[in-house]
Amino acid sequence: MTEEYDDEIILSELPDDELVEQMHDDLYDGLADEIAEGTQILLDRGWSAPQVLDKALVGGMAIVGVDFRDGILFVPEVLMAANAMKAGMAILKPILSETGAKPVGKMVIGTVKGDIHDIGKNLVGMMMEGAGFEVIDLGINVDAETYIEAIEENQANILGMSALLTTTMPYMKVVIDALQEAGIRDKYIVLVGGAPLNDEFGEMIGADAYCRDAAVAVDVAKELMAAAS
């Protein structure tokens, strides 16, 4: 019976507040087509792109983030939700860039040199986008020079580094040392993450914070951005 009812939900017939709630549900369920449709409907109703981003997409991903942090949702579901969000973002991005709408902040992210693991990094990138950040993903096996070029070129606020191997973890310190040598360490918030890391390691290498998962990374990034402004 419930399934039949669900099939009958016509997004275009819902009033704005109910449509936004439905989009939160659809994001949670990873329904990309419905998110794209809802995004377009709100725009057609005169909503601005930043409004749609903030209320429908970022608002929905915040719920996903809380449930991921609390162990109710797991990586596959969060990846599906993030993928659904991308369907909405594909519609909003051209409008946002035309209107010059500023993101919450900019983050350059990558898996460090010698390491090719990227699921955790991808998840952080998606969740950061879901929180309204612009994310420049450098991919895997990233060296210090590439990180530094990217943060300077993109005028980023945050540098995020990921590692899954104990053998590649120390390279994070190489990058932070390179920032120090270039005299630009204090210009950026440096976040590190990955399975073998912990708070002590983050402190030891001079990172601003160790983030145990993507939901924590979003919270920490927002807190540190607010403290820096």
N, C-alpha and C. Protein backbone atom coordinates (compact mmCIF):
# COMPACT_ATOMS: atom_id res chain seq x y z
N MET A 1 0.83 -1.20 0.00
CA MET A 1 0.00 0.00 0.00
C MET A 1 0.88 1.26 0.00
N THR A 2 1.90 1.24 0.88
CA THR A 2 2.79 2.41 0.95
C THR A 2 3.47 2.66 -0.39
N GLU A 3 3.90 1.56 -1.02
CA GLU A 3 4.61 1.71 -2.30
C GLU A 3 3.74 2.40 -3.33
N GLU A 4 2.46 1.99 -3.36
CA GLU A 4 1.55 2.62 -4.33
C GLU A 4 1.46 4.11 -4.07
N TYR A 5 1.36 4.46 -2.78
CA TYR A 5 1.25 5.88 -2.43
C TYR A 5 2.51 6.63 -2.88
N ASP A 6 3.67 6.01 -2.60
CA ASP A 6 4.94 6.64 -2.98
C ASP A 6 5.00 6.91 -4.47
N ASP A 7 4.51 5.94 -5.24
CA ASP A 7 4.53 6.08 -6.70
C ASP A 7 3.67 7.25 -7.16
N GLU A 8 2.71 7.62 -6.32
CA GLU A 8 1.77 8.66 -6.74
C GLU A 8 2.21 10.07 -6.36
N ILE A 9 3.34 10.18 -5.68
CA ILE A 9 3.80 11.53 -5.31
C ILE A 9 4.23 12.26 -6.58
N ILE A 10 3.53 13.36 -6.87
CA ILE A 10 3.89 14.16 -8.05
C ILE A 10 4.55 15.43 -7.53
N LEU A 11 5.85 15.51 -7.74
CA LEU A 11 6.63 16.59 -7.14
C LEU A 11 6.09 17.98 -7.49
N SER A 12 5.69 18.14 -8.73
CA SER A 12 5.24 19.47 -9.19
C SER A 12 3.95 19.92 -8.51
N GLU A 13 3.22 18.98 -7.89
CA GLU A 13 1.97 19.34 -7.22
C GLU A 13 2.16 19.68 -5.74
N LEU A 14 3.36 19.46 -5.23
CA LEU A 14 3.61 19.73 -3.82
C LEU A 14 3.89 21.21 -3.59
N PRO A 15 3.36 21.80 -2.50
CA PRO A 15 3.75 23.17 -2.17
C PRO A 15 5.23 23.21 -1.81
N ASP A 16 5.81 24.41 -1.84
CA ASP A 16 7.27 24.55 -1.66
C ASP A 16 7.83 23.80 -0.45
N ASP A 17 7.22 24.03 0.73
CA ASP A 17 7.80 23.43 1.94
C ASP A 17 7.74 21.91 1.91
N GLU A 18 6.64 21.38 1.36
CA GLU A 18 6.52 19.91 1.26
C GLU A 18 7.48 19.35 0.22
N LEU A 19 7.69 20.10 -0.85
CA LEU A 19 8.61 19.67 -1.89
C LEU A 19 10.04 19.59 -1.33
N VAL A 20 10.42 20.60 -0.54
CA VAL A 20 11.76 20.60 0.06
C VAL A 20 11.91 19.39 0.99
N GLU A 21 10.87 19.12 1.78
CA GLU A 21 10.91 17.94 2.67
C GLU A 21 11.04 16.65 1.88
N GLN A 22 10.27 16.57 0.78
CA GLN A 22 10.33 15.38 -0.08
C GLN A 22 11.72 15.22 -0.69
N MET A 23 12.33 16.36 -1.06
CA MET A 23 13.68 16.31 -1.62
C MET A 23 14.69 15.83 -0.58
N HIS A 24 14.49 16.21 0.68
CA HIS A 24 15.36 15.70 1.74
C HIS A 24 15.24 14.17 1.81
N ASP A 25 14.00 13.67 1.72
CA ASP A 25 13.77 12.21 1.74
C ASP A 25 14.41 11.54 0.53
N ASP A 26 14.24 12.18 -0.64
CA ASP A 26 14.78 11.60 -1.88
C ASP A 26 16.30 11.58 -1.88
N LEU A 27 16.90 12.63 -1.30
CA LEU A 27 18.36 12.65 -1.17
C LEU A 27 18.81 11.51 -0.27
N TYR A 28 18.11 11.36 0.84
CA TYR A 28 18.43 10.32 1.82
C TYR A 28 18.37 8.94 1.15
N ASP A 29 17.42 8.80 0.21
CA ASP A 29 17.25 7.51 -0.48
C ASP A 29 18.10 7.40 -1.75
N GLY A 30 18.85 8.47 -2.07
CA GLY A 30 19.75 8.43 -3.22
C GLY A 30 19.06 8.45 -4.56
N LEU A 31 17.93 9.18 -4.64
CA LEU A 31 17.13 9.21 -5.89
C LEU A 31 17.53 10.41 -6.75
N ALA A 32 18.48 10.18 -7.65
CA ALA A 32 19.06 11.29 -8.43
C ALA A 32 18.04 11.96 -9.36
N ASP A 33 17.21 11.18 -10.05
CA ASP A 33 16.25 11.77 -11.00
C ASP A 33 15.27 12.69 -10.30
N GLU A 34 14.80 12.25 -9.12
CA GLU A 34 13.84 13.05 -8.37
C GLU A 34 14.48 14.35 -7.86
N ILE A 35 15.76 14.28 -7.49
CA ILE A 35 16.46 15.48 -7.01
C ILE A 35 16.62 16.48 -8.15
N ALA A 36 16.97 15.98 -9.32
CA ALA A 36 17.10 16.86 -10.49
C ALA A 36 15.76 17.51 -10.80
N GLU A 37 14.70 16.72 -10.74
CA GLU A 37 13.36 17.24 -11.05
C GLU A 37 12.94 18.29 -10.02
N GLY A 38 13.15 17.98 -8.74
CA GLY A 38 12.77 18.91 -7.67
C GLY A 38 13.54 20.22 -7.77
N THR A 39 14.83 20.12 -8.09
CA THR A 39 15.68 21.31 -8.23
C THR A 39 15.13 22.22 -9.33
N GLN A 40 14.77 21.61 -10.46
CA GLN A 40 14.25 22.38 -11.59
C GLN A 40 12.90 23.02 -11.24
N ILE A 41 12.05 22.28 -10.53
CA ILE A 41 10.73 22.82 -10.15
C ILE A 41 10.90 24.06 -9.27
N LEU A 42 11.77 23.98 -8.28
CA LEU A 42 11.98 25.13 -7.39
C LEU A 42 12.51 26.34 -8.16
N LEU A 43 13.45 26.09 -9.08
CA LEU A 43 13.97 27.20 -9.90
C LEU A 43 12.85 27.81 -10.74
N ASP A 44 12.02 26.94 -11.33
CA ASP A 44 10.90 27.42 -12.15
C ASP A 44 9.89 28.22 -11.34
N ARG A 45 9.84 27.95 -10.04
CA ARG A 45 8.93 28.68 -9.16
C ARG A 45 9.53 29.99 -8.66
N GLY A 46 10.72 30.30 -9.14
CA GLY A 46 11.32 31.58 -8.79
C GLY A 46 12.31 31.54 -7.63
N TRP A 47 12.63 30.34 -7.17
CA TRP A 47 13.66 30.24 -6.13
C TRP A 47 15.02 30.58 -6.74
N SER A 48 15.88 31.24 -5.97
CA SER A 48 17.23 31.51 -6.46
C SER A 48 18.06 30.23 -6.31
N ALA A 49 19.11 30.13 -7.12
CA ALA A 49 19.98 28.95 -7.03
C ALA A 49 20.59 28.77 -5.63
N PRO A 50 21.08 29.86 -4.97
CA PRO A 50 21.62 29.68 -3.62
C PRO A 50 20.56 29.17 -2.62
N GLN A 51 19.30 29.63 -2.81
CA GLN A 51 18.20 29.17 -1.94
C GLN A 51 17.97 27.66 -2.09
N VAL A 52 17.92 27.22 -3.34
CA VAL A 52 17.69 25.79 -3.61
C VAL A 52 18.85 24.98 -3.03
N LEU A 53 20.06 25.45 -3.27
CA LEU A 53 21.25 24.76 -2.77
C LEU A 53 21.19 24.63 -1.25
N ASP A 54 20.93 25.75 -0.60
CA ASP A 54 20.98 25.78 0.86
C ASP A 54 19.83 24.99 1.50
N LYS A 55 18.61 25.28 1.08
CA LYS A 55 17.45 24.68 1.76
C LYS A 55 17.19 23.23 1.34
N ALA A 56 17.25 22.96 0.04
CA ALA A 56 16.89 21.61 -0.42
C ALA A 56 18.07 20.64 -0.39
N LEU A 57 19.21 21.06 -0.94
CA LEU A 57 20.32 20.12 -1.09
C LEU A 57 21.22 20.06 0.15
N VAL A 58 21.74 21.21 0.58
CA VAL A 58 22.61 21.22 1.76
C VAL A 58 21.81 20.77 2.99
N GLY A 59 20.56 21.23 3.08
CA GLY A 59 19.70 20.82 4.19
C GLY A 59 19.50 19.32 4.24
N GLY A 60 19.31 18.71 3.07
CA GLY A 60 19.13 17.26 2.99
C GLY A 60 20.40 16.50 3.32
N MET A 61 21.52 17.00 2.81
CA MET A 61 22.80 16.32 3.07
C MET A 61 23.21 16.44 4.54
N ALA A 62 22.74 17.49 5.21
CA ALA A 62 23.05 17.64 6.64
C ALA A 62 22.42 16.49 7.43
N ILE A 63 21.20 16.08 7.03
CA ILE A 63 20.51 14.96 7.68
C ILE A 63 21.29 13.66 7.42
N VAL A 64 21.72 13.49 6.18
CA VAL A 64 22.54 12.32 5.81
C VAL A 64 23.81 12.29 6.65
N GLY A 65 24.46 13.46 6.80
CA GLY A 65 25.71 13.56 7.55
C GLY A 65 25.54 13.15 9.01
N VAL A 66 24.46 13.59 9.62
CA VAL A 66 24.20 13.25 11.03
C VAL A 66 24.00 11.74 11.18
N ASP A 67 23.21 11.15 10.28
CA ASP A 67 22.93 9.72 10.39
C ASP A 67 24.16 8.87 10.04
N PHE A 68 25.03 9.40 9.19
CA PHE A 68 26.28 8.71 8.89
C PHE A 68 27.19 8.74 10.13
N ARG A 69 27.26 9.91 10.74
CA ARG A 69 28.09 10.06 11.95
C ARG A 69 27.59 9.13 13.07
N ASP A 70 26.26 9.00 13.16
CA ASP A 70 25.66 8.19 14.24
C ASP A 70 25.57 6.70 13.92
N GLY A 71 26.10 6.30 12.75
CA GLY A 71 26.11 4.88 12.41
C GLY A 71 24.79 4.33 11.92
N ILE A 72 23.86 5.21 11.53
CA ILE A 72 22.56 4.76 11.00
C ILE A 72 22.70 4.50 9.49
N LEU A 73 23.48 5.35 8.83
CA LEU A 73 23.78 5.16 7.41
C LEU A 73 25.24 4.74 7.26
N PHE A 74 25.53 4.03 6.17
CA PHE A 74 26.89 3.57 5.93
C PHE A 74 27.39 4.11 4.59
N VAL A 75 28.66 3.85 4.30
CA VAL A 75 29.30 4.44 3.12
C VAL A 75 28.49 4.27 1.82
N PRO A 76 27.98 3.07 1.48
CA PRO A 76 27.25 2.94 0.21
C PRO A 76 26.04 3.87 0.12
N GLU A 77 25.30 4.00 1.24
CA GLU A 77 24.12 4.89 1.21
C GLU A 77 24.53 6.35 1.07
N VAL A 78 25.61 6.71 1.75
CA VAL A 78 26.06 8.10 1.67
C VAL A 78 26.56 8.43 0.26
N LEU A 79 27.24 7.47 -0.37
CA LEU A 79 27.68 7.68 -1.75
C LEU A 79 26.49 7.86 -2.69
N MET A 80 25.42 7.09 -2.44
CA MET A 80 24.21 7.25 -3.27
C MET A 80 23.56 8.62 -3.05
N ALA A 81 23.52 9.06 -1.79
CA ALA A 81 22.95 10.37 -1.48
C ALA A 81 23.78 11.48 -2.14
N ALA A 82 25.10 11.35 -2.04
CA ALA A 82 25.99 12.36 -2.64
C ALA A 82 25.84 12.38 -4.15
N ASN A 83 25.63 11.21 -4.74
CA ASN A 83 25.43 11.11 -6.18
C ASN A 83 24.12 11.81 -6.59
N ALA A 84 23.09 11.62 -5.76
CA ALA A 84 21.81 12.29 -6.03
C ALA A 84 21.98 13.80 -5.93
N MET A 85 22.74 14.24 -4.94
CA MET A 85 22.99 15.67 -4.80
C MET A 85 23.68 16.23 -6.04
N LYS A 86 24.60 15.43 -6.61
CA LYS A 86 25.31 15.89 -7.81
C LYS A 86 24.35 16.17 -8.97
N ALA A 87 23.26 15.40 -9.03
CA ALA A 87 22.27 15.62 -10.09
C ALA A 87 21.63 17.00 -9.95
N GLY A 88 21.39 17.41 -8.70
CA GLY A 88 20.87 18.76 -8.46
C GLY A 88 21.92 19.82 -8.72
N MET A 89 23.16 19.52 -8.29
CA MET A 89 24.25 20.47 -8.47
C MET A 89 24.56 20.73 -9.94
N ALA A 90 24.38 19.71 -10.78
CA ALA A 90 24.63 19.87 -12.22
C ALA A 90 23.73 20.96 -12.80
N ILE A 91 22.53 21.08 -12.25
CA ILE A 91 21.59 22.11 -12.72
C ILE A 91 21.95 23.47 -12.11
N LEU A 92 22.36 23.46 -10.83
CA LEU A 92 22.60 24.72 -10.12
C LEU A 92 23.94 25.37 -10.45
N LYS A 93 24.97 24.55 -10.71
CA LYS A 93 26.33 25.09 -10.86
C LYS A 93 26.44 26.20 -11.90
N PRO A 94 25.91 25.99 -13.13
CA PRO A 94 26.03 27.07 -14.13
C PRO A 94 25.37 28.36 -13.67
N ILE A 95 24.24 28.24 -12.97
CA ILE A 95 23.53 29.44 -12.50
C ILE A 95 24.32 30.12 -11.38
N LEU A 96 24.85 29.30 -10.47
CA LEU A 96 25.64 29.85 -9.36
C LEU A 96 26.88 30.58 -9.86
N SER A 97 27.55 30.01 -10.88
CA SER A 97 28.76 30.67 -11.38
C SER A 97 28.41 31.95 -12.13
N GLU A 98 27.26 31.97 -12.81
CA GLU A 98 26.82 33.19 -13.52
C GLU A 98 26.54 34.32 -12.54
N THR A 99 25.87 33.97 -11.43
CA THR A 99 25.48 35.00 -10.46
C THR A 99 26.62 35.35 -9.52
N GLY A 100 27.74 34.62 -9.64
CA GLY A 100 28.89 34.90 -8.80
C GLY A 100 28.65 34.54 -7.33
N ALA A 101 27.72 33.62 -7.09
CA ALA A 101 27.43 33.21 -5.71
C ALA A 101 28.66 32.54 -5.11
N LYS A 102 29.01 32.99 -3.93
CA LYS A 102 30.23 32.48 -3.29
C LYS A 102 29.95 31.19 -2.52
N PRO A 103 30.85 30.19 -2.65
CA PRO A 103 30.69 28.98 -1.83
C PRO A 103 31.03 29.29 -0.36
N VAL A 104 30.70 28.38 0.54
CA VAL A 104 31.03 28.54 1.96
C VAL A 104 32.54 28.68 2.13
N GLY A 105 33.28 27.96 1.29
CA GLY A 105 34.73 27.98 1.33
C GLY A 105 35.24 27.08 0.23
N LYS A 106 36.55 27.06 0.06
CA LYS A 106 37.14 26.21 -0.98
C LYS A 106 38.10 25.20 -0.36
N MET A 107 38.01 23.97 -0.83
CA MET A 107 38.89 22.93 -0.31
C MET A 107 39.61 22.22 -1.44
N VAL A 108 40.90 22.07 -1.29
CA VAL A 108 41.69 21.22 -2.19
C VAL A 108 41.92 19.91 -1.45
N ILE A 109 41.64 18.80 -2.12
CA ILE A 109 41.75 17.50 -1.44
C ILE A 109 42.45 16.49 -2.35
N GLY A 110 43.16 15.56 -1.73
CA GLY A 110 43.82 14.51 -2.51
C GLY A 110 44.38 13.44 -1.60
N THR A 111 44.60 12.26 -2.18
CA THR A 111 45.29 11.17 -1.46
C THR A 111 46.78 11.36 -1.69
N VAL A 112 47.56 11.22 -0.60
CA VAL A 112 48.99 11.58 -0.68
C VAL A 112 49.81 10.66 -1.57
N LYS A 113 50.99 11.16 -1.92
CA LYS A 113 51.93 10.45 -2.79
C LYS A 113 52.18 9.03 -2.28
N GLY A 114 52.15 8.08 -3.22
CA GLY A 114 52.40 6.68 -2.89
C GLY A 114 51.14 5.90 -2.54
N ASP A 115 50.01 6.61 -2.40
CA ASP A 115 48.76 5.96 -1.96
C ASP A 115 47.70 6.11 -3.05
N ILE A 116 47.02 5.00 -3.36
CA ILE A 116 46.02 5.07 -4.44
C ILE A 116 44.60 4.80 -3.94
N HIS A 117 44.40 4.85 -2.62
CA HIS A 117 43.06 4.62 -2.07
C HIS A 117 42.26 5.91 -2.10
N ASP A 118 41.02 5.83 -2.60
CA ASP A 118 40.30 7.10 -2.72
C ASP A 118 38.84 7.09 -2.27
N ILE A 119 38.33 5.98 -1.73
CA ILE A 119 36.91 5.98 -1.34
C ILE A 119 36.65 6.99 -0.23
N GLY A 120 37.49 6.98 0.80
CA GLY A 120 37.33 7.92 1.91
C GLY A 120 37.45 9.36 1.43
N LYS A 121 38.45 9.62 0.61
CA LYS A 121 38.66 10.98 0.08
C LYS A 121 37.46 11.43 -0.74
N ASN A 122 36.96 10.53 -1.60
CA ASN A 122 35.80 10.88 -2.43
C ASN A 122 34.59 11.22 -1.57
N LEU A 123 34.42 10.45 -0.51
CA LEU A 123 33.30 10.67 0.39
C LEU A 123 33.40 12.03 1.07
N VAL A 124 34.60 12.36 1.54
CA VAL A 124 34.80 13.67 2.16
C VAL A 124 34.50 14.78 1.15
N GLY A 125 35.02 14.63 -0.07
CA GLY A 125 34.77 15.64 -1.10
C GLY A 125 33.30 15.83 -1.37
N MET A 126 32.56 14.72 -1.48
CA MET A 126 31.12 14.80 -1.75
C MET A 126 30.37 15.46 -0.59
N MET A 127 30.75 15.06 0.64
CA MET A 127 30.06 15.63 1.81
C MET A 127 30.38 17.12 1.97
N MET A 128 31.59 17.50 1.62
CA MET A 128 31.96 18.93 1.68
C MET A 128 31.17 19.72 0.64
N GLU A 129 31.04 19.15 -0.57
CA GLU A 129 30.20 19.80 -1.59
C GLU A 129 28.76 19.88 -1.09
N GLY A 130 28.34 18.81 -0.43
CA GLY A 130 26.99 18.78 0.13
C GLY A 130 26.77 19.83 1.20
N ALA A 131 27.84 20.31 1.80
CA ALA A 131 27.73 21.35 2.83
C ALA A 131 27.96 22.75 2.24
N GLY A 132 28.09 22.82 0.91
CA GLY A 132 28.20 24.13 0.26
C GLY A 132 29.60 24.60 -0.04
N PHE A 133 30.60 23.72 0.15
CA PHE A 133 31.99 24.07 -0.17
C PHE A 133 32.26 23.78 -1.65
N GLU A 134 33.19 24.54 -2.22
CA GLU A 134 33.70 24.18 -3.55
C GLU A 134 34.90 23.26 -3.32
N VAL A 135 34.91 22.12 -4.01
CA VAL A 135 35.96 21.13 -3.77
C VAL A 135 36.78 20.91 -5.04
N ILE A 136 38.09 21.04 -4.91
CA ILE A 136 39.01 20.74 -6.03
C ILE A 136 39.70 19.43 -5.67
N ASP A 137 39.32 18.37 -6.38
CA ASP A 137 39.84 17.03 -6.06
C ASP A 137 41.04 16.72 -6.96
N LEU A 138 42.20 16.54 -6.33
CA LEU A 138 43.44 16.28 -7.10
C LEU A 138 43.65 14.79 -7.37
N GLY A 139 42.75 13.94 -6.84
CA GLY A 139 42.86 12.52 -7.10
C GLY A 139 43.82 11.82 -6.13
N ILE A 140 44.56 10.84 -6.66
CA ILE A 140 45.43 10.00 -5.82
C ILE A 140 46.90 10.29 -6.12
N ASN A 141 47.77 9.78 -5.23
CA ASN A 141 49.22 9.85 -5.46
C ASN A 141 49.69 11.30 -5.69
N VAL A 142 49.24 12.20 -4.80
CA VAL A 142 49.51 13.63 -5.00
C VAL A 142 50.76 14.06 -4.23
N ASP A 143 51.69 14.74 -4.92
CA ASP A 143 52.90 15.19 -4.25
C ASP A 143 52.74 16.60 -3.69
N ALA A 144 53.70 16.99 -2.86
CA ALA A 144 53.63 18.28 -2.14
C ALA A 144 53.50 19.46 -3.11
N GLU A 145 54.29 19.41 -4.17
CA GLU A 145 54.27 20.52 -5.13
C GLU A 145 52.88 20.71 -5.74
N THR A 146 52.23 19.60 -6.07
CA THR A 146 50.88 19.67 -6.68
C THR A 146 49.87 20.25 -5.70
N TYR A 147 49.94 19.80 -4.43
CA TYR A 147 49.05 20.36 -3.42
C TYR A 147 49.23 21.88 -3.31
N ILE A 148 50.47 22.30 -3.21
CA ILE A 148 50.75 23.73 -2.99
C ILE A 148 50.31 24.56 -4.20
N GLU A 149 50.62 24.07 -5.39
CA GLU A 149 50.19 24.78 -6.61
C GLU A 149 48.67 24.95 -6.62
N ALA A 150 47.97 23.85 -6.28
CA ALA A 150 46.50 23.87 -6.34
C ALA A 150 45.88 24.80 -5.31
N ILE A 151 46.40 24.80 -4.07
CA ILE A 151 45.77 25.68 -3.07
C ILE A 151 46.04 27.15 -3.38
N GLU A 152 47.22 27.43 -3.94
CA GLU A 152 47.52 28.83 -4.27
C GLU A 152 46.73 29.28 -5.49
N GLU A 153 46.71 28.44 -6.49
CA GLU A 153 46.02 28.79 -7.74
C GLU A 153 44.51 28.96 -7.52
N ASN A 154 43.93 28.11 -6.68
CA ASN A 154 42.48 28.17 -6.45
C ASN A 154 42.08 29.05 -5.27
N GLN A 155 43.10 29.67 -4.63
CA GLN A 155 42.86 30.49 -3.43
C GLN A 155 41.97 29.73 -2.45
N ALA A 156 42.39 28.52 -2.14
CA ALA A 156 41.60 27.66 -1.26
C ALA A 156 41.75 28.09 0.20
N ASN A 157 40.80 27.67 1.03
CA ASN A 157 40.87 27.90 2.47
C ASN A 157 41.42 26.68 3.19
N ILE A 158 41.11 25.51 2.61
CA ILE A 158 41.40 24.25 3.30
C ILE A 158 42.18 23.31 2.40
N LEU A 159 43.17 22.64 3.00
CA LEU A 159 43.87 21.56 2.32
C LEU A 159 43.53 20.26 3.04
N GLY A 160 42.99 19.29 2.30
CA GLY A 160 42.64 18.01 2.88
C GLY A 160 43.53 16.91 2.32
N MET A 161 44.13 16.11 3.21
CA MET A 161 44.98 15.01 2.77
C MET A 161 44.49 13.69 3.36
N SER A 162 44.51 12.65 2.51
CA SER A 162 44.04 11.34 2.93
C SER A 162 45.14 10.30 2.70
N ALA A 163 45.18 9.30 3.59
CA ALA A 163 46.11 8.17 3.42
C ALA A 163 45.50 6.94 4.06
N LEU A 164 45.66 5.80 3.40
CA LEU A 164 45.12 4.57 3.98
C LEU A 164 46.23 3.61 4.41
N LEU A 165 47.46 3.94 4.04
CA LEU A 165 48.58 3.06 4.36
C LEU A 165 49.47 3.68 5.43
N THR A 166 49.96 2.85 6.34
CA THR A 166 50.89 3.37 7.35
C THR A 166 52.17 3.88 6.69
N THR A 167 52.49 3.32 5.54
CA THR A 167 53.73 3.72 4.84
C THR A 167 53.60 5.08 4.16
N THR A 168 52.37 5.49 3.86
CA THR A 168 52.19 6.79 3.16
C THR A 168 51.81 7.92 4.12
N MET A 169 51.36 7.56 5.33
CA MET A 169 50.99 8.58 6.32
C MET A 169 52.06 9.66 6.52
N PRO A 170 53.35 9.27 6.65
CA PRO A 170 54.38 10.28 6.94
C PRO A 170 54.50 11.35 5.85
N TYR A 171 54.02 11.04 4.64
CA TYR A 171 54.14 12.03 3.56
C TYR A 171 53.32 13.29 3.87
N MET A 172 52.31 13.14 4.72
CA MET A 172 51.52 14.31 5.10
C MET A 172 52.40 15.37 5.76
N LYS A 173 53.35 14.90 6.55
CA LYS A 173 54.28 15.85 7.22
C LYS A 173 55.18 16.52 6.18
N VAL A 174 55.54 15.78 5.15
CA VAL A 174 56.37 16.35 4.06
C VAL A 174 55.63 17.54 3.44
N VAL A 175 54.33 17.37 3.22
CA VAL A 175 53.53 18.45 2.62
C VAL A 175 53.44 19.64 3.56
N ILE A 176 53.17 19.37 4.84
CA ILE A 176 53.05 20.47 5.82
C ILE A 176 54.39 21.19 5.97
N ASP A 177 55.49 20.44 5.98
CA ASP A 177 56.82 21.05 6.04
C ASP A 177 57.08 21.94 4.82
N ALA A 178 56.60 21.48 3.66
CA ALA A 178 56.78 22.26 2.43
C ALA A 178 55.99 23.57 2.51
N LEU A 179 54.80 23.52 3.12
CA LEU A 179 54.01 24.74 3.32
C LEU A 179 54.76 25.70 4.25
N GLN A 180 55.35 25.14 5.30
CA GLN A 180 56.14 25.96 6.24
C GLN A 180 57.31 26.63 5.52
N GLU A 181 58.03 25.83 4.74
CA GLU A 181 59.21 26.36 4.03
C GLU A 181 58.83 27.47 3.06
N ALA A 182 57.64 27.32 2.46
CA ALA A 182 57.18 28.34 1.51
C ALA A 182 56.62 29.57 2.23
N GLY A 183 56.52 29.47 3.58
CA GLY A 183 56.03 30.61 4.37
C GLY A 183 54.53 30.82 4.27
N ILE A 184 53.80 29.76 3.89
CA ILE A 184 52.35 29.93 3.68
C ILE A 184 51.50 29.00 4.56
N ARG A 185 52.14 28.32 5.51
CA ARG A 185 51.40 27.35 6.33
C ARG A 185 50.19 27.99 7.02
N ASP A 186 50.37 29.20 7.55
CA ASP A 186 49.31 29.84 8.34
C ASP A 186 48.13 30.33 7.50
N LYS A 187 48.32 30.34 6.19
CA LYS A 187 47.23 30.80 5.32
C LYS A 187 46.13 29.76 5.16
N TYR A 188 46.43 28.50 5.48
CA TYR A 188 45.49 27.41 5.17
C TYR A 188 45.15 26.55 6.38
N ILE A 189 43.93 26.04 6.36
CA ILE A 189 43.50 25.05 7.35
C ILE A 189 43.89 23.69 6.76
N VAL A 190 44.65 22.90 7.50
CA VAL A 190 45.07 21.58 7.01
C VAL A 190 44.34 20.48 7.77
N LEU A 191 43.54 19.69 7.04
CA LEU A 191 42.80 18.57 7.64
C LEU A 191 43.37 17.27 7.09
N VAL A 192 43.53 16.28 7.97
CA VAL A 192 44.03 14.98 7.53
C VAL A 192 43.07 13.88 7.97
N GLY A 193 43.06 12.78 7.21
CA GLY A 193 42.19 11.67 7.56
C GLY A 193 42.64 10.37 6.90
N GLY A 194 42.04 9.28 7.35
CA GLY A 194 42.39 7.96 6.82
C GLY A 194 42.44 6.96 7.96
N ALA A 195 42.18 5.70 7.64
CA ALA A 195 42.04 4.65 8.66
C ALA A 195 43.17 4.55 9.68
N PRO A 196 44.46 4.61 9.27
CA PRO A 196 45.51 4.39 10.27
C PRO A 196 45.85 5.62 11.12
N LEU A 197 45.23 6.78 10.82
CA LEU A 197 45.58 8.02 11.52
C LEU A 197 44.81 8.14 12.84
N ASN A 198 45.28 9.06 13.69
CA ASN A 198 44.53 9.41 14.89
C ASN A 198 44.87 10.85 15.28
N ASP A 199 44.24 11.33 16.36
CA ASP A 199 44.45 12.72 16.79
C ASP A 199 45.92 13.02 17.06
N GLU A 200 46.58 12.06 17.74
CA GLU A 200 47.99 12.27 18.12
C GLU A 200 48.86 12.47 16.88
N PHE A 201 48.60 11.64 15.85
CA PHE A 201 49.38 11.75 14.62
C PHE A 201 49.14 13.12 13.97
N GLY A 202 47.87 13.52 13.92
CA GLY A 202 47.54 14.84 13.34
C GLY A 202 48.28 15.96 14.04
N GLU A 203 48.30 15.89 15.37
CA GLU A 203 49.01 16.90 16.16
C GLU A 203 50.51 16.87 15.88
N MET A 204 51.06 15.66 15.86
CA MET A 204 52.49 15.49 15.69
C MET A 204 53.00 16.09 14.37
N ILE A 205 52.22 15.94 13.32
CA ILE A 205 52.70 16.43 12.01
C ILE A 205 52.34 17.90 11.78
N GLY A 206 51.57 18.49 12.71
CA GLY A 206 51.25 19.92 12.58
C GLY A 206 50.00 20.22 11.78
N ALA A 207 49.10 19.23 11.64
CA ALA A 207 47.82 19.49 10.97
C ALA A 207 46.91 20.27 11.92
N ASP A 208 45.91 20.96 11.37
CA ASP A 208 44.95 21.66 12.23
C ASP A 208 43.99 20.68 12.88
N ALA A 209 43.67 19.59 12.19
CA ALA A 209 42.78 18.60 12.78
C ALA A 209 42.86 17.28 12.03
N TYR A 210 42.64 16.20 12.80
CA TYR A 210 42.44 14.87 12.21
C TYR A 210 40.94 14.63 12.19
N CYS A 211 40.41 14.17 11.07
CA CYS A 211 38.96 13.93 10.94
C CYS A 211 38.74 12.44 10.71
N ARG A 212 38.03 11.79 11.63
CA ARG A 212 37.91 10.32 11.54
C ARG A 212 36.97 9.87 10.42
N ASP A 213 36.03 10.75 10.00
CA ASP A 213 35.19 10.40 8.86
C ASP A 213 34.69 11.67 8.16
N ALA A 214 33.91 11.47 7.10
CA ALA A 214 33.49 12.60 6.27
C ALA A 214 32.58 13.57 7.02
N ALA A 215 31.69 13.03 7.87
CA ALA A 215 30.77 13.90 8.61
C ALA A 215 31.54 14.79 9.58
N VAL A 216 32.54 14.22 10.23
CA VAL A 216 33.38 14.99 11.15
C VAL A 216 34.16 16.05 10.37
N ALA A 217 34.66 15.68 9.18
CA ALA A 217 35.42 16.63 8.35
C ALA A 217 34.59 17.88 8.05
N VAL A 218 33.32 17.69 7.74
CA VAL A 218 32.43 18.83 7.44
C VAL A 218 32.27 19.71 8.67
N ASP A 219 31.99 19.09 9.82
CA ASP A 219 31.80 19.87 11.05
C ASP A 219 33.06 20.65 11.42
N VAL A 220 34.20 19.97 11.34
CA VAL A 220 35.48 20.60 11.71
C VAL A 220 35.81 21.74 10.74
N ALA A 221 35.60 21.48 9.45
CA ALA A 221 35.88 22.52 8.44
C ALA A 221 35.05 23.78 8.70
N LYS A 222 33.78 23.59 9.00
CA LYS A 222 32.90 24.74 9.28
C LYS A 222 33.36 25.49 10.53
N GLU A 223 33.70 24.74 11.58
CA GLU A 223 34.15 25.36 12.83
C GLU A 223 35.43 26.17 12.61
N LEU A 224 36.40 25.56 11.92
CA LEU A 224 37.68 26.24 11.72
C LEU A 224 37.55 27.43 10.78
N MET A 225 36.65 27.32 9.79
CA MET A 225 36.40 28.45 8.89
C MET A 225 35.80 29.63 9.68
N ALA A 226 34.85 29.29 10.56
CA ALA A 226 34.19 30.33 11.36
C ALA A 226 35.20 30.99 12.30
N ALA A 227 36.08 30.18 12.89
CA ALA A 227 37.09 30.72 13.82
C ALA A 227 38.10 31.61 13.09
N ALA A 228 38.35 31.28 11.81
CA ALA A 228 39.38 32.03 11.05
C ALA A 228 38.83 33.35 10.51
N SER A 229 37.50 33.45 10.39
CA SER A 229 36.94 34.66 9.75
C SER A 229 36.82 35.83 10.72
